[in-house]
Amino acid sequence: MGALEELSTAVAKVAKSASPAIVGVGGRWHRGSGVIVAENRVLTNAHNTHGDEAGVVFADGRKALGKVLGVDVDGDLAVIEVDTAGAKAIPWADAKAAPVVGSVVFAVASAPSGGARVTVGTVSGLERSFRGPGGRAIGGSLEHTAPLAPGSSGSAVVDATGNLVALNTQRVGDGFYLAIPADESLRARIEALARGESPARPKLGIAVAPSNVARHMRRAVGLPDRSGVLVRGVEEGSPADEAGIRDGDLIVSAGGAPVEDPDQLHEALVKAGPGKLDFGLVRGAEDLTVKVDLGVGGKPN
């Protein structure tokens, strides 16, 4: 059997095994894909859900209205409860056989006309990052080249046996796509979302400006250049407000680690978890340190 025949056989095998677990999610104007991961449970991207309910279209054409159990906006994940009517959940790939750069993978997404669309590509990168709907950088992503049409976010990346390798999220350029690996961490997040538990991520309660804006504003008032994140607003009653952080402060470190951009600030918050964290600030020409209690009041910002 030649290479093309082998590839054709592999695509057909994947389509037969994985397609029944792939669903369409959303309405007419917000259509995405999802994956049946357990009885009456569908996993999709957070940006495919809008409100407490979501329409689900199964591979056999059946339509049902599901309840959104939990949404992780920053992580771009959501779990929907819906009657799967006996449709089998997709099997997960063996964690010991995680894909490497060059591994052949298949993308299985819901097609607008019904059924599934199967494409093939290779893993082109590991540990990539992308921004979720909330603007936070999401690391640890798998990059692949299996083509995805509009409506494919929330679909499955599978191996040659149809086992789940990752959940598709977004395009990063012509011919390159990112997906969240199907590992033990994802399993735990799915279980938490199914229980209605939102991720507990520490929040400062500030609005920030890009680094280039911070440099421009300091130069405009005759202050020396400093790398950092410029505070452009502080929410009343937030952890930042309680600690004395002010509009116009430049955050230059968190927990002893340098902070040069918002992604580094978010990373420091995630690593710190709930509790107290020291922040290095520049206020005008003065350097100072404040201790922020990340469990103090305020809405998440």
C-alpha atoms as a PDB file:
ATOM      1  CA  MET A   1       0.000   0.000   0.000  1.00  0.00           C
ATOM      2  CA  GLY A   2       1.372   3.406  -0.993  1.00  0.00           C
ATOM      3  CA  ALA A   3       1.671   6.474   1.232  1.00  0.00           C
ATOM      4  CA  LEU A   4      -1.476   8.104  -0.167  1.00  0.00           C
ATOM      5  CA  GLU A   5      -3.519   4.970   0.345  1.00  0.00           C
ATOM      6  CA  GLU A   6      -2.256   4.683   3.913  1.00  0.00           C
ATOM      7  CA  LEU A   7      -3.165   8.305   4.601  1.00  0.00           C
ATOM      8  CA  SER A   8      -6.621   7.822   3.092  1.00  0.00           C
ATOM      9  CA  THR A   9      -7.182   4.768   5.264  1.00  0.00           C
ATOM     10  CA  ALA A  10      -6.040   6.649   8.367  1.00  0.00           C
ATOM     11  CA  VAL A  11      -8.382   9.598   7.703  1.00  0.00           C
ATOM     12  CA  ALA A  12     -11.319   7.238   7.132  1.00  0.00           C
ATOM     13  CA  LYS A  13     -10.530   5.386  10.361  1.00  0.00           C
ATOM     14  CA  VAL A  14     -10.348   8.609  12.362  1.00  0.00           C
ATOM     15  CA  ALA A  15     -13.600   9.890  10.834  1.00  0.00           C
ATOM     16  CA  LYS A  16     -15.414   6.703  11.782  1.00  0.00           C
ATOM     17  CA  SER A  17     -14.096   6.524  15.347  1.00  0.00           C
ATOM     18  CA  ALA A  18     -14.033  10.193  16.426  1.00  0.00           C
ATOM     19  CA  SER A  19     -16.837  11.883  14.474  1.00  0.00           C
ATOM     20  CA  PRO A  20     -19.743  10.610  16.647  1.00  0.00           C
ATOM     21  CA  ALA A  21     -18.231  12.476  19.636  1.00  0.00           C
ATOM     22  CA  ILE A  22     -18.006  15.821  17.812  1.00  0.00           C
ATOM     23  CA  VAL A  23     -20.886  18.312  18.091  1.00  0.00           C
ATOM     24  CA  GLY A  24     -21.780  21.781  16.910  1.00  0.00           C
ATOM     25  CA  VAL A  25     -22.169  24.418  19.646  1.00  0.00           C
ATOM     26  CA  GLY A  26     -23.991  27.737  19.550  1.00  0.00           C
ATOM     27  CA  GLY A  27     -26.544  29.462  17.403  1.00  0.00           C
ATOM     28  CA  ARG A  28     -26.665  30.903  13.926  1.00  0.00           C
ATOM     29  CA  TRP A  29     -24.199  33.742  14.540  1.00  0.00           C
ATOM     30  CA  HIS A  30     -21.950  32.079  17.128  1.00  0.00           C
ATOM     31  CA  ARG A  31     -21.229  28.609  15.802  1.00  0.00           C
ATOM     32  CA  GLY A  32     -18.363  26.527  17.142  1.00  0.00           C
ATOM     33  CA  SER A  33     -17.594  22.899  17.879  1.00  0.00           C
ATOM     34  CA  GLY A  34     -17.484  20.763  20.979  1.00  0.00           C
ATOM     35  CA  VAL A  35     -16.413  17.305  22.113  1.00  0.00           C
ATOM     36  CA  ILE A  36     -18.404  14.771  24.136  1.00  0.00           C
ATOM     37  CA  VAL A  37     -16.029  13.957  27.000  1.00  0.00           C
ATOM     38  CA  ALA A  38     -18.451  12.019  29.244  1.00  0.00           C
ATOM     39  CA  GLU A  39     -22.106  11.046  29.380  1.00  0.00           C
ATOM     40  CA  ASN A  40     -24.171  14.240  29.106  1.00  0.00           C
ATOM     41  CA  ARG A  41     -21.021  16.380  29.106  1.00  0.00           C
ATOM     42  CA  VAL A  42     -19.634  18.459  26.237  1.00  0.00           C
ATOM     43  CA  LEU A  43     -16.354  20.363  26.337  1.00  0.00           C
ATOM     44  CA  THR A  44     -15.917  23.462  24.187  1.00  0.00           C
ATOM     45  CA  ASN A  45     -14.226  26.860  24.173  1.00  0.00           C
ATOM     46  CA  ALA A  46     -15.574  29.575  26.452  1.00  0.00           C
ATOM     47  CA  HIS A  47     -15.955  31.937  23.497  1.00  0.00           C
ATOM     48  CA  ASN A  48     -18.491  29.511  21.963  1.00  0.00           C
ATOM     49  CA  THR A  49     -20.919  30.002  24.853  1.00  0.00           C
ATOM     50  CA  HIS A  50     -23.132  33.013  25.449  1.00  0.00           C
ATOM     51  CA  GLY A  51     -25.273  32.927  28.581  1.00  0.00           C
ATOM     52  CA  ASP A  52     -26.489  29.986  30.648  1.00  0.00           C
ATOM     53  CA  GLU A  53     -27.651  27.835  27.730  1.00  0.00           C
ATOM     54  CA  ALA A  54     -26.130  26.598  24.487  1.00  0.00           C
ATOM     55  CA  GLY A  55     -27.569  24.849  21.450  1.00  0.00           C
ATOM     56  CA  VAL A  56     -25.898  21.542  20.606  1.00  0.00           C
ATOM     57  CA  VAL A  57     -26.103  19.707  17.267  1.00  0.00           C
ATOM     58  CA  PHE A  58     -25.018  16.066  17.337  1.00  0.00           C
ATOM     59  CA  ALA A  59     -23.306  14.119  14.564  1.00  0.00           C
ATOM     60  CA  ASP A  60     -26.578  12.377  13.651  1.00  0.00           C
ATOM     61  CA  GLY A  61     -28.335  15.736  13.214  1.00  0.00           C
ATOM     62  CA  ARG A  62     -30.190  15.712  16.525  1.00  0.00           C
ATOM     63  CA  LYS A  63     -30.479  19.124  18.189  1.00  0.00           C
ATOM     64  CA  ALA A  64     -30.748  19.798  21.923  1.00  0.00           C
ATOM     65  CA  LEU A  65     -30.512  22.722  24.308  1.00  0.00           C
ATOM     66  CA  GLY A  66     -27.776  22.339  26.885  1.00  0.00           C
ATOM     67  CA  LYS A  67     -27.023  24.031  30.204  1.00  0.00           C
ATOM     68  CA  VAL A  68     -23.651  25.732  30.618  1.00  0.00           C
ATOM     69  CA  LEU A  69     -22.318  24.291  33.878  1.00  0.00           C
ATOM     70  CA  GLY A  70     -19.067  26.222  34.120  1.00  0.00           C
ATOM     71  CA  VAL A  71     -16.998  28.696  32.127  1.00  0.00           C
ATOM     72  CA  ASP A  72     -13.310  29.551  32.423  1.00  0.00           C
ATOM     73  CA  VAL A  73     -13.015  32.734  30.348  1.00  0.00           C
ATOM     74  CA  ASP A  74      -9.301  33.216  30.972  1.00  0.00           C
ATOM     75  CA  GLY A  75      -8.595  29.572  30.052  1.00  0.00           C
ATOM     76  CA  ASP A  76     -11.118  29.582  27.161  1.00  0.00           C
ATOM     77  CA  LEU A  77     -12.926  26.453  28.353  1.00  0.00           C
ATOM     78  CA  ALA A  78     -16.566  25.650  29.048  1.00  0.00           C
ATOM     79  CA  VAL A  79     -18.512  22.519  30.003  1.00  0.00           C
ATOM     80  CA  ILE A  80     -22.095  22.013  28.836  1.00  0.00           C
ATOM     81  CA  GLU A  81     -24.603  19.570  30.298  1.00  0.00           C
ATOM     82  CA  VAL A  82     -26.797  18.101  27.557  1.00  0.00           C
ATOM     83  CA  ASP A  83     -28.545  14.800  26.856  1.00  0.00           C
ATOM     84  CA  THR A  84     -26.003  12.886  24.773  1.00  0.00           C
ATOM     85  CA  ALA A  85     -28.569  10.134  24.118  1.00  0.00           C
ATOM     86  CA  GLY A  86     -26.049   7.319  24.086  1.00  0.00           C
ATOM     87  CA  ALA A  87     -23.441   9.019  21.919  1.00  0.00           C
ATOM     88  CA  LYS A  88     -20.089   7.759  23.116  1.00  0.00           C
ATOM     89  CA  ALA A  89     -17.508  10.054  24.670  1.00  0.00           C
ATOM     90  CA  ILE A  90     -14.233  10.444  22.842  1.00  0.00           C
ATOM     91  CA  PRO A  91     -11.389   8.333  24.306  1.00  0.00           C
ATOM     92  CA  TRP A  92      -8.317  10.151  25.576  1.00  0.00           C
ATOM     93  CA  ALA A  93      -4.821   9.470  24.281  1.00  0.00           C
ATOM     94  CA  ASP A  94      -2.357   7.802  26.610  1.00  0.00           C
ATOM     95  CA  ALA A  95      -0.507  10.504  28.545  1.00  0.00           C
ATOM     96  CA  LYS A  96       2.725   8.519  28.124  1.00  0.00           C
ATOM     97  CA  ALA A  97       2.425   8.862  24.349  1.00  0.00           C
ATOM     98  CA  ALA A  98       2.162  12.658  24.205  1.00  0.00           C
ATOM     99  CA  PRO A  99       2.736  14.060  20.703  1.00  0.00           C
ATOM    100  CA  VAL A 100       6.087  15.547  19.754  1.00  0.00           C
ATOM    101  CA  VAL A 101       7.031  17.960  17.005  1.00  0.00           C
ATOM    102  CA  GLY A 102       6.461  16.124  13.744  1.00  0.00           C
ATOM    103  CA  SER A 103       3.711  13.819  15.044  1.00  0.00           C
ATOM    104  CA  VAL A 104       0.830  13.367  12.595  1.00  0.00           C
ATOM    105  CA  VAL A 105      -2.484  14.569  14.027  1.00  0.00           C
ATOM    106  CA  PHE A 106      -6.048  14.916  12.777  1.00  0.00           C
ATOM    107  CA  ALA A 107      -8.524  17.727  13.444  1.00  0.00           C
ATOM    108  CA  VAL A 108     -12.162  16.630  13.729  1.00  0.00           C
ATOM    109  CA  ALA A 109     -14.640  19.513  13.750  1.00  0.00           C
ATOM    110  CA  SER A 110     -18.369  19.976  13.319  1.00  0.00           C
ATOM    111  CA  ALA A 111     -19.405  20.904   9.777  1.00  0.00           C
ATOM    112  CA  PRO A 112     -22.194  23.483   9.308  1.00  0.00           C
ATOM    113  CA  SER A 113     -24.102  21.087   7.053  1.00  0.00           C
ATOM    114  CA  GLY A 114     -23.957  18.332   9.679  1.00  0.00           C
ATOM    115  CA  GLY A 115     -21.540  15.561  10.505  1.00  0.00           C
ATOM    116  CA  ALA A 116     -17.826  16.164  10.909  1.00  0.00           C
ATOM    117  CA  ARG A 117     -14.964  17.607   8.880  1.00  0.00           C
ATOM    118  CA  VAL A 118     -11.635  15.745   9.185  1.00  0.00           C
ATOM    119  CA  THR A 119      -8.276  17.255   8.219  1.00  0.00           C
ATOM    120  CA  VAL A 120      -4.694  16.121   8.740  1.00  0.00           C
ATOM    121  CA  GLY A 121      -1.474  17.869   9.691  1.00  0.00           C
ATOM    122  CA  THR A 122       1.541  17.624  11.955  1.00  0.00           C
ATOM    123  CA  VAL A 123       2.497  19.004  15.338  1.00  0.00           C
ATOM    124  CA  SER A 124       4.581  22.075  14.532  1.00  0.00           C
ATOM    125  CA  GLY A 125       5.321  23.278  18.057  1.00  0.00           C
ATOM    126  CA  LEU A 126       4.831  22.686  21.762  1.00  0.00           C
ATOM    127  CA  GLU A 127       4.482  25.006  24.760  1.00  0.00           C
ATOM    128  CA  ARG A 128       3.082  27.835  22.651  1.00  0.00           C
ATOM    129  CA  SER A 129       0.993  30.691  24.098  1.00  0.00           C
ATOM    130  CA  PHE A 130      -2.176  32.466  23.014  1.00  0.00           C
ATOM    131  CA  ARG A 131      -4.555  35.018  24.489  1.00  0.00           C
ATOM    132  CA  GLY A 132      -7.871  33.864  25.833  1.00  0.00           C
ATOM    133  CA  PRO A 133     -11.109  35.863  25.567  1.00  0.00           C
ATOM    134  CA  GLY A 134     -10.190  37.695  28.769  1.00  0.00           C
ATOM    135  CA  GLY A 135      -6.865  38.863  27.332  1.00  0.00           C
ATOM    136  CA  ARG A 136      -4.666  36.650  29.479  1.00  0.00           C
ATOM    137  CA  ALA A 137      -1.844  34.647  27.937  1.00  0.00           C
ATOM    138  CA  ILE A 138      -2.511  30.894  28.009  1.00  0.00           C
ATOM    139  CA  GLY A 139       0.667  28.837  27.875  1.00  0.00           C
ATOM    140  CA  GLY A 140       1.453  25.188  27.253  1.00  0.00           C
ATOM    141  CA  SER A 141      -0.472  24.977  23.983  1.00  0.00           C
ATOM    142  CA  LEU A 142       0.094  22.565  21.141  1.00  0.00           C
ATOM    143  CA  GLU A 143       0.616  24.067  17.682  1.00  0.00           C
ATOM    144  CA  HIS A 144      -0.396  22.050  14.602  1.00  0.00           C
ATOM    145  CA  THR A 145      -1.037  22.381  10.881  1.00  0.00           C
ATOM    146  CA  ALA A 146      -4.299  20.437  10.403  1.00  0.00           C
ATOM    147  CA  PRO A 147      -6.508  23.002   8.575  1.00  0.00           C
ATOM    148  CA  LEU A 148      -9.514  24.388  10.458  1.00  0.00           C
ATOM    149  CA  ALA A 149     -12.509  26.084   8.852  1.00  0.00           C
ATOM    150  CA  PRO A 150     -14.616  28.722  10.648  1.00  0.00           C
ATOM    151  CA  GLY A 151     -16.663  27.076  13.383  1.00  0.00           C
ATOM    152  CA  SER A 152     -13.883  24.652  14.353  1.00  0.00           C
ATOM    153  CA  SER A 153     -12.912  26.215  17.687  1.00  0.00           C
ATOM    154  CA  GLY A 154     -13.665  23.734  20.449  1.00  0.00           C
ATOM    155  CA  SER A 155     -13.116  20.766  18.126  1.00  0.00           C
ATOM    156  CA  ALA A 156     -10.819  17.806  18.691  1.00  0.00           C
ATOM    157  CA  VAL A 157      -7.231  17.112  17.755  1.00  0.00           C
ATOM    158  CA  VAL A 158      -6.815  13.324  17.707  1.00  0.00           C
ATOM    159  CA  ASP A 159      -4.169  10.751  16.947  1.00  0.00           C
ATOM    160  CA  ALA A 160      -4.363   8.035  14.284  1.00  0.00           C
ATOM    161  CA  THR A 161      -6.577   5.882  16.506  1.00  0.00           C
ATOM    162  CA  GLY A 162      -9.086   8.680  17.126  1.00  0.00           C
ATOM    163  CA  ASN A 163      -8.004   9.363  20.710  1.00  0.00           C
ATOM    164  CA  LEU A 164      -8.169  12.938  22.006  1.00  0.00           C
ATOM    165  CA  VAL A 165      -4.825  14.747  21.957  1.00  0.00           C
ATOM    166  CA  ALA A 166      -5.955  18.374  22.371  1.00  0.00           C
ATOM    167  CA  LEU A 167      -8.864  20.829  22.072  1.00  0.00           C
ATOM    168  CA  ASN A 168      -8.622  23.364  19.242  1.00  0.00           C
ATOM    169  CA  THR A 169      -8.771  27.030  20.197  1.00  0.00           C
ATOM    170  CA  GLN A 170      -7.655  29.448  17.503  1.00  0.00           C
ATOM    171  CA  ARG A 171      -5.606  30.237  14.416  1.00  0.00           C
ATOM    172  CA  VAL A 172      -2.182  31.823  14.952  1.00  0.00           C
ATOM    173  CA  GLY A 173      -1.275  32.452  11.336  1.00  0.00           C
ATOM    174  CA  ASP A 174      -1.694  31.079   7.852  1.00  0.00           C
ATOM    175  CA  GLY A 175      -1.778  27.311   8.276  1.00  0.00           C
ATOM    176  CA  PHE A 176      -0.997  27.190  12.005  1.00  0.00           C
ATOM    177  CA  TYR A 177      -3.440  26.488  14.841  1.00  0.00           C
ATOM    178  CA  LEU A 178      -3.288  26.194  18.620  1.00  0.00           C
ATOM    179  CA  ALA A 179      -4.913  23.637  20.887  1.00  0.00           C
ATOM    180  CA  ILE A 180      -5.080  22.932  24.627  1.00  0.00           C
ATOM    181  CA  PRO A 181      -3.380  19.582  25.394  1.00  0.00           C
ATOM    182  CA  ALA A 182      -5.614  16.781  26.673  1.00  0.00           C
ATOM    183  CA  ASP A 183      -3.628  16.003  29.799  1.00  0.00           C
ATOM    184  CA  GLU A 184      -4.396  15.440  33.482  1.00  0.00           C
ATOM    185  CA  SER A 185      -4.569  19.180  34.031  1.00  0.00           C
ATOM    186  CA  LEU A 186      -7.343  19.474  31.448  1.00  0.00           C
ATOM    187  CA  ARG A 187      -9.214  16.558  33.031  1.00  0.00           C
ATOM    188  CA  ALA A 188      -9.118  18.311  36.400  1.00  0.00           C
ATOM    189  CA  ARG A 189     -10.330  21.578  34.882  1.00  0.00           C
ATOM    190  CA  ILE A 190     -13.212  19.805  33.144  1.00  0.00           C
ATOM    191  CA  GLU A 191     -14.280  18.148  36.393  1.00  0.00           C
ATOM    192  CA  ALA A 192     -14.178  21.463  38.254  1.00  0.00           C
ATOM    193  CA  LEU A 193     -16.191  23.260  35.577  1.00  0.00           C
ATOM    194  CA  ALA A 194     -18.749  20.442  35.553  1.00  0.00           C
ATOM    195  CA  ARG A 195     -19.229  21.068  39.275  1.00  0.00           C
ATOM    196  CA  GLY A 196     -19.823  24.740  38.542  1.00  0.00           C
ATOM    197  CA  GLU A 197     -16.500  25.782  40.069  1.00  0.00           C
ATOM    198  CA  SER A 198     -14.870  28.828  38.499  1.00  0.00           C
ATOM    199  CA  PRO A 199     -11.064  28.974  38.572  1.00  0.00           C
ATOM    200  CA  ALA A 200      -9.766  30.931  41.553  1.00  0.00           C
ATOM    201  CA  ARG A 201      -7.215  33.259  39.984  1.00  0.00           C
ATOM    202  CA  PRO A 202      -5.752  36.084  42.051  1.00  0.00           C
ATOM    203  CA  LYS A 203      -6.813  39.525  40.840  1.00  0.00           C
ATOM    204  CA  LEU A 204      -5.222  42.893  41.535  1.00  0.00           C
ATOM    205  CA  GLY A 205      -8.124  45.057  40.434  1.00  0.00           C
ATOM    206  CA  ILE A 206      -6.233  47.405  38.105  1.00  0.00           C
ATOM    207  CA  ALA A 207      -6.325  48.572  34.510  1.00  0.00           C
ATOM    208  CA  VAL A 208      -2.932  48.763  32.816  1.00  0.00           C
ATOM    209  CA  ALA A 209      -1.372  50.459  29.812  1.00  0.00           C
ATOM    210  CA  PRO A 210       1.032  48.868  27.302  1.00  0.00           C
ATOM    211  CA  SER A 211       4.735  49.196  28.052  1.00  0.00           C
ATOM    212  CA  ASN A 212       5.312  51.635  25.171  1.00  0.00           C
ATOM    213  CA  VAL A 213       2.636  53.948  26.603  1.00  0.00           C
ATOM    214  CA  ALA A 214       4.346  53.859  29.997  1.00  0.00           C
ATOM    215  CA  ARG A 215       7.701  54.858  28.466  1.00  0.00           C
ATOM    216  CA  HIS A 216       6.114  57.645  26.424  1.00  0.00           C
ATOM    217  CA  MET A 217       4.313  59.119  29.433  1.00  0.00           C
ATOM    218  CA  ARG A 218       7.447  59.066  31.611  1.00  0.00           C
ATOM    219  CA  ARG A 219       9.472  60.789  28.899  1.00  0.00           C
ATOM    220  CA  ALA A 220       6.731  63.380  28.462  1.00  0.00           C
ATOM    221  CA  VAL A 221       7.141  64.507  32.095  1.00  0.00           C
ATOM    222  CA  GLY A 222      10.932  64.296  32.083  1.00  0.00           C
ATOM    223  CA  LEU A 223      11.294  61.014  33.993  1.00  0.00           C
ATOM    224  CA  PRO A 224      13.909  58.392  33.058  1.00  0.00           C
ATOM    225  CA  ASP A 225      12.885  55.271  31.155  1.00  0.00           C
ATOM    226  CA  ARG A 226      11.908  52.285  33.301  1.00  0.00           C
ATOM    227  CA  SER A 227      10.543  48.945  32.180  1.00  0.00           C
ATOM    228  CA  GLY A 228       7.265  48.050  33.839  1.00  0.00           C
ATOM    229  CA  VAL A 229       3.478  48.026  33.707  1.00  0.00           C
ATOM    230  CA  LEU A 230       1.747  51.381  34.052  1.00  0.00           C
ATOM    231  CA  VAL A 231      -1.363  51.467  36.249  1.00  0.00           C
ATOM    232  CA  ARG A 232      -4.133  53.359  34.455  1.00  0.00           C
ATOM    233  CA  GLY A 233      -6.925  52.743  36.948  1.00  0.00           C
ATOM    234  CA  VAL A 234      -7.521  51.148  40.344  1.00  0.00           C
ATOM    235  CA  GLU A 235     -10.849  49.600  41.319  1.00  0.00           C
ATOM    236  CA  GLU A 236     -12.211  50.844  44.612  1.00  0.00           C
ATOM    237  CA  GLY A 237     -12.001  48.205  47.335  1.00  0.00           C
ATOM    238  CA  SER A 238      -9.742  45.929  45.259  1.00  0.00           C
ATOM    239  CA  PRO A 239      -6.529  44.330  46.594  1.00  0.00           C
ATOM    240  CA  ALA A 240      -4.498  46.995  44.771  1.00  0.00           C
ATOM    241  CA  ASP A 241      -6.587  49.791  46.290  1.00  0.00           C
ATOM    242  CA  GLU A 242      -6.277  48.347  49.785  1.00  0.00           C
ATOM    243  CA  ALA A 243      -2.481  48.127  49.384  1.00  0.00           C
ATOM    244  CA  GLY A 244      -2.181  51.759  48.259  1.00  0.00           C
ATOM    245  CA  ILE A 245      -1.379  51.254  44.578  1.00  0.00           C
ATOM    246  CA  ARG A 246      -2.348  54.398  42.675  1.00  0.00           C
ATOM    247  CA  ASP A 247      -3.218  55.409  39.140  1.00  0.00           C
ATOM    248  CA  GLY A 248       0.089  56.364  37.479  1.00  0.00           C
ATOM    249  CA  ASP A 249       2.247  53.911  39.443  1.00  0.00           C
ATOM    250  CA  LEU A 250       4.674  51.795  37.443  1.00  0.00           C
ATOM    251  CA  ILE A 251       4.809  48.138  38.566  1.00  0.00           C
ATOM    252  CA  VAL A 252       8.382  46.941  38.053  1.00  0.00           C
ATOM    253  CA  SER A 253       8.419  43.683  40.039  1.00  0.00           C
ATOM    254  CA  ALA A 254       6.150  41.128  41.688  1.00  0.00           C
ATOM    255  CA  GLY A 255       7.347  38.615  44.246  1.00  0.00           C
ATOM    256  CA  GLY A 256      10.926  39.629  43.517  1.00  0.00           C
ATOM    257  CA  ALA A 257      10.649  38.856  39.787  1.00  0.00           C
ATOM    258  CA  PRO A 258      10.954  41.669  37.224  1.00  0.00           C
ATOM    259  CA  VAL A 259       7.736  42.773  35.519  1.00  0.00           C
ATOM    260  CA  GLU A 260       8.156  44.309  32.071  1.00  0.00           C
ATOM    261  CA  ASP A 261       4.752  43.609  30.492  1.00  0.00           C
ATOM    262  CA  PRO A 262       1.196  42.546  31.463  1.00  0.00           C
ATOM    263  CA  ASP A 263       1.887  38.888  30.667  1.00  0.00           C
ATOM    264  CA  GLN A 264       4.691  38.764  33.237  1.00  0.00           C
ATOM    265  CA  LEU A 265       2.386  40.425  35.759  1.00  0.00           C
ATOM    266  CA  HIS A 266      -0.350  37.836  35.121  1.00  0.00           C
ATOM    267  CA  GLU A 267       2.204  35.023  35.366  1.00  0.00           C
ATOM    268  CA  ALA A 268       3.418  36.310  38.731  1.00  0.00           C
ATOM    269  CA  LEU A 269      -0.155  36.451  40.040  1.00  0.00           C
ATOM    270  CA  VAL A 270      -0.895  32.901  38.922  1.00  0.00           C
ATOM    271  CA  LYS A 271       2.301  31.562  40.490  1.00  0.00           C
ATOM    272  CA  ALA A 272       1.627  33.412  43.751  1.00  0.00           C
ATOM    273  CA  GLY A 273      -1.915  32.126  44.283  1.00  0.00           C
ATOM    274  CA  PRO A 274      -4.007  33.534  47.139  1.00  0.00           C
ATOM    275  CA  GLY A 275      -2.098  35.296  49.900  1.00  0.00           C
ATOM    276  CA  LYS A 276       0.264  38.254  50.176  1.00  0.00           C
ATOM    277  CA  LEU A 277       2.713  39.318  47.496  1.00  0.00           C
ATOM    278  CA  ASP A 278       5.286  42.134  47.403  1.00  0.00           C
ATOM    279  CA  PHE A 279       5.142  44.535  44.460  1.00  0.00           C
ATOM    280  CA  GLY A 280       7.919  46.893  43.474  1.00  0.00           C
ATOM    281  CA  LEU A 281       6.599  50.259  42.266  1.00  0.00           C
ATOM    282  CA  VAL A 282       7.987  53.446  40.802  1.00  0.00           C
ATOM    283  CA  ARG A 283       5.945  56.499  41.739  1.00  0.00           C
ATOM    284  CA  GLY A 284       7.383  59.464  39.896  1.00  0.00           C
ATOM    285  CA  ALA A 285      11.108  59.150  40.649  1.00  0.00           C
ATOM    286  CA  GLU A 286      10.611  57.201  43.905  1.00  0.00           C
ATOM    287  CA  ASP A 287      11.024  53.443  44.277  1.00  0.00           C
ATOM    288  CA  LEU A 288       8.829  51.762  46.875  1.00  0.00           C
ATOM    289  CA  THR A 289       7.485  48.343  47.824  1.00  0.00           C
ATOM    290  CA  VAL A 290       3.912  47.485  48.786  1.00  0.00           C
ATOM    291  CA  LYS A 291       2.495  44.225  50.077  1.00  0.00           C
ATOM    292  CA  VAL A 292      -0.773  43.208  48.411  1.00  0.00           C
ATOM    293  CA  ASP A 293      -3.220  40.784  49.983  1.00  0.00           C
ATOM    294  CA  LEU A 294      -4.610  39.011  46.913  1.00  0.00           C
ATOM    295  CA  GLY A 295      -7.606  37.820  48.891  1.00  0.00           C
ATOM    296  CA  VAL A 296      -8.953  41.322  49.601  1.00  0.00           C
ATOM    297  CA  GLY A 297     -12.308  42.457  48.124  1.00  0.00           C
ATOM    298  CA  GLY A 298     -13.069  43.790  44.708  1.00  0.00           C
ATOM    299  CA  LYS A 299     -14.338  42.357  41.466  1.00  0.00           C
ATOM    300  CA  PRO A 300     -11.958  40.349  39.289  1.00  0.00           C
ATOM    301  CA  ASN A 301     -10.156  42.657  36.892  1.00  0.00           C
END
